[in-house]
Structures are given as C-alpha cells and as structure tokens.
C-alpha cells in the first residue's frame, strides 16, 4: 500500500526558480534538470519528437 500525503500540497506559485532549485527533492530536481536540458538544446528535443511521429 502506498503512503498518504500528510496534509495539503504547498503553494509554490510565488517561488522563483532559484528558490525552487534550493528545495531538496529528487523528483523536483529531475524535472528541473529536464526543463534546463530543453532550454539548452531545443533542436535535439524537437528532433527526438519528430523521429517518434509515424
């Protein structure tokens, strides 16, 4: 059985990216790394997307 969240989710709408980067959470870190990768190499991401279209 999965664990339950112990309360409401935090409101992060007022947090900037620098503050968000300071939050130690493995899933959040992976998501942010993916976003940075897309910004740094957008052509490669689009190429990978186009390659998968049939």
C-alpha atoms as a PDB file:
ATOM      1  CA  UNK A   1       0.000   0.000   0.000  1.00  0.00           C
ATOM      2  CA  UNK A   2       1.276   3.469  -0.856  1.00  0.00           C
ATOM      3  CA  UNK A   3       1.794   6.152   1.755  1.00  0.00           C
ATOM      4  CA  UNK A   4      -0.586   9.049   2.113  1.00  0.00           C
ATOM      5  CA  UNK A   5       0.371  12.691   1.926  1.00  0.00           C
ATOM      6  CA  UNK A   6       0.342  14.219   5.394  1.00  0.00           C
ATOM      7  CA  UNK A   7      -1.517  17.408   4.520  1.00  0.00           C
ATOM      8  CA  UNK A   8      -2.169  19.858   1.742  1.00  0.00           C
ATOM      9  CA  UNK A   9       0.298  20.444  -1.037  1.00  0.00           C
ATOM     10  CA  UNK A  10       2.382  23.614  -0.626  1.00  0.00           C
ATOM     11  CA  UNK A  11       1.565  26.654  -2.740  1.00  0.00           C
ATOM     12  CA  UNK A  12       4.727  27.250  -4.768  1.00  0.00           C
ATOM     13  CA  UNK A  13       3.224  29.774  -7.171  1.00  0.00           C
ATOM     14  CA  UNK A  14       5.195  32.646  -5.618  1.00  0.00           C
ATOM     15  CA  UNK A  15       8.526  30.803  -5.598  1.00  0.00           C
ATOM     16  CA  UNK A  16      11.090  31.772  -8.220  1.00  0.00           C
ATOM     17  CA  UNK A  17      13.297  29.220  -9.979  1.00  0.00           C
ATOM     18  CA  UNK A  18      16.314  29.963  -7.792  1.00  0.00           C
ATOM     19  CA  UNK A  19      14.314  29.208  -4.634  1.00  0.00           C
ATOM     20  CA  UNK A  20      12.734  26.178  -6.277  1.00  0.00           C
ATOM     21  CA  UNK A  21      16.198  24.830  -7.113  1.00  0.00           C
ATOM     22  CA  UNK A  22      17.079  25.036  -3.406  1.00  0.00           C
ATOM     23  CA  UNK A  23      14.347  22.585  -2.435  1.00  0.00           C
ATOM     24  CA  UNK A  24      15.937  19.191  -1.856  1.00  0.00           C
ATOM     25  CA  UNK A  25      13.611  16.720  -3.580  1.00  0.00           C
ATOM     26  CA  UNK A  26      14.760  14.076  -6.092  1.00  0.00           C
ATOM     27  CA  UNK A  27      11.700  14.234  -8.355  1.00  0.00           C
ATOM     28  CA  UNK A  28      11.671  18.029  -8.441  1.00  0.00           C
ATOM     29  CA  UNK A  29      15.402  18.053  -9.232  1.00  0.00           C
ATOM     30  CA  UNK A  30      14.873  15.636 -12.133  1.00  0.00           C
ATOM     31  CA  UNK A  31      12.007  17.707 -13.556  1.00  0.00           C
ATOM     32  CA  UNK A  32      14.040  20.911 -13.327  1.00  0.00           C
ATOM     33  CA  UNK A  33      17.047  19.232 -14.961  1.00  0.00           C
ATOM     34  CA  UNK A  34      14.796  18.142 -17.843  1.00  0.00           C
ATOM     35  CA  UNK A  35      13.491  21.677 -18.291  1.00  0.00           C
ATOM     36  CA  UNK A  36      17.016  23.104 -18.316  1.00  0.00           C
ATOM     37  CA  UNK A  37      18.047  20.476 -20.878  1.00  0.00           C
ATOM     38  CA  UNK A  38      15.184  21.516 -23.160  1.00  0.00           C
ATOM     39  CA  UNK A  39      16.229  25.147 -22.960  1.00  0.00           C
ATOM     40  CA  UNK A  40      19.886  24.397 -23.635  1.00  0.00           C
ATOM     41  CA  UNK A  41      19.276  22.006 -26.553  1.00  0.00           C
ATOM     42  CA  UNK A  42      15.818  22.650 -28.042  1.00  0.00           C
ATOM     43  CA  UNK A  43      16.710  21.382 -31.535  1.00  0.00           C
ATOM     44  CA  UNK A  44      17.660  17.947 -30.197  1.00  0.00           C
ATOM     45  CA  UNK A  45      14.402  17.686 -28.256  1.00  0.00           C
ATOM     46  CA  UNK A  46      12.370  18.606 -31.343  1.00  0.00           C
ATOM     47  CA  UNK A  47      14.341  16.163 -33.476  1.00  0.00           C
ATOM     48  CA  UNK A  48      13.644  13.355 -30.997  1.00  0.00           C
ATOM     49  CA  UNK A  49       9.962  14.300 -31.005  1.00  0.00           C
ATOM     50  CA  UNK A  50       9.768  14.340 -34.815  1.00  0.00           C
ATOM     51  CA  UNK A  51      11.530  10.973 -35.025  1.00  0.00           C
ATOM     52  CA  UNK A  52       8.793   9.338 -32.988  1.00  0.00           C
ATOM     53  CA  UNK A  53       5.919  10.579 -35.162  1.00  0.00           C
ATOM     54  CA  UNK A  54       4.611   7.959 -37.550  1.00  0.00           C
END
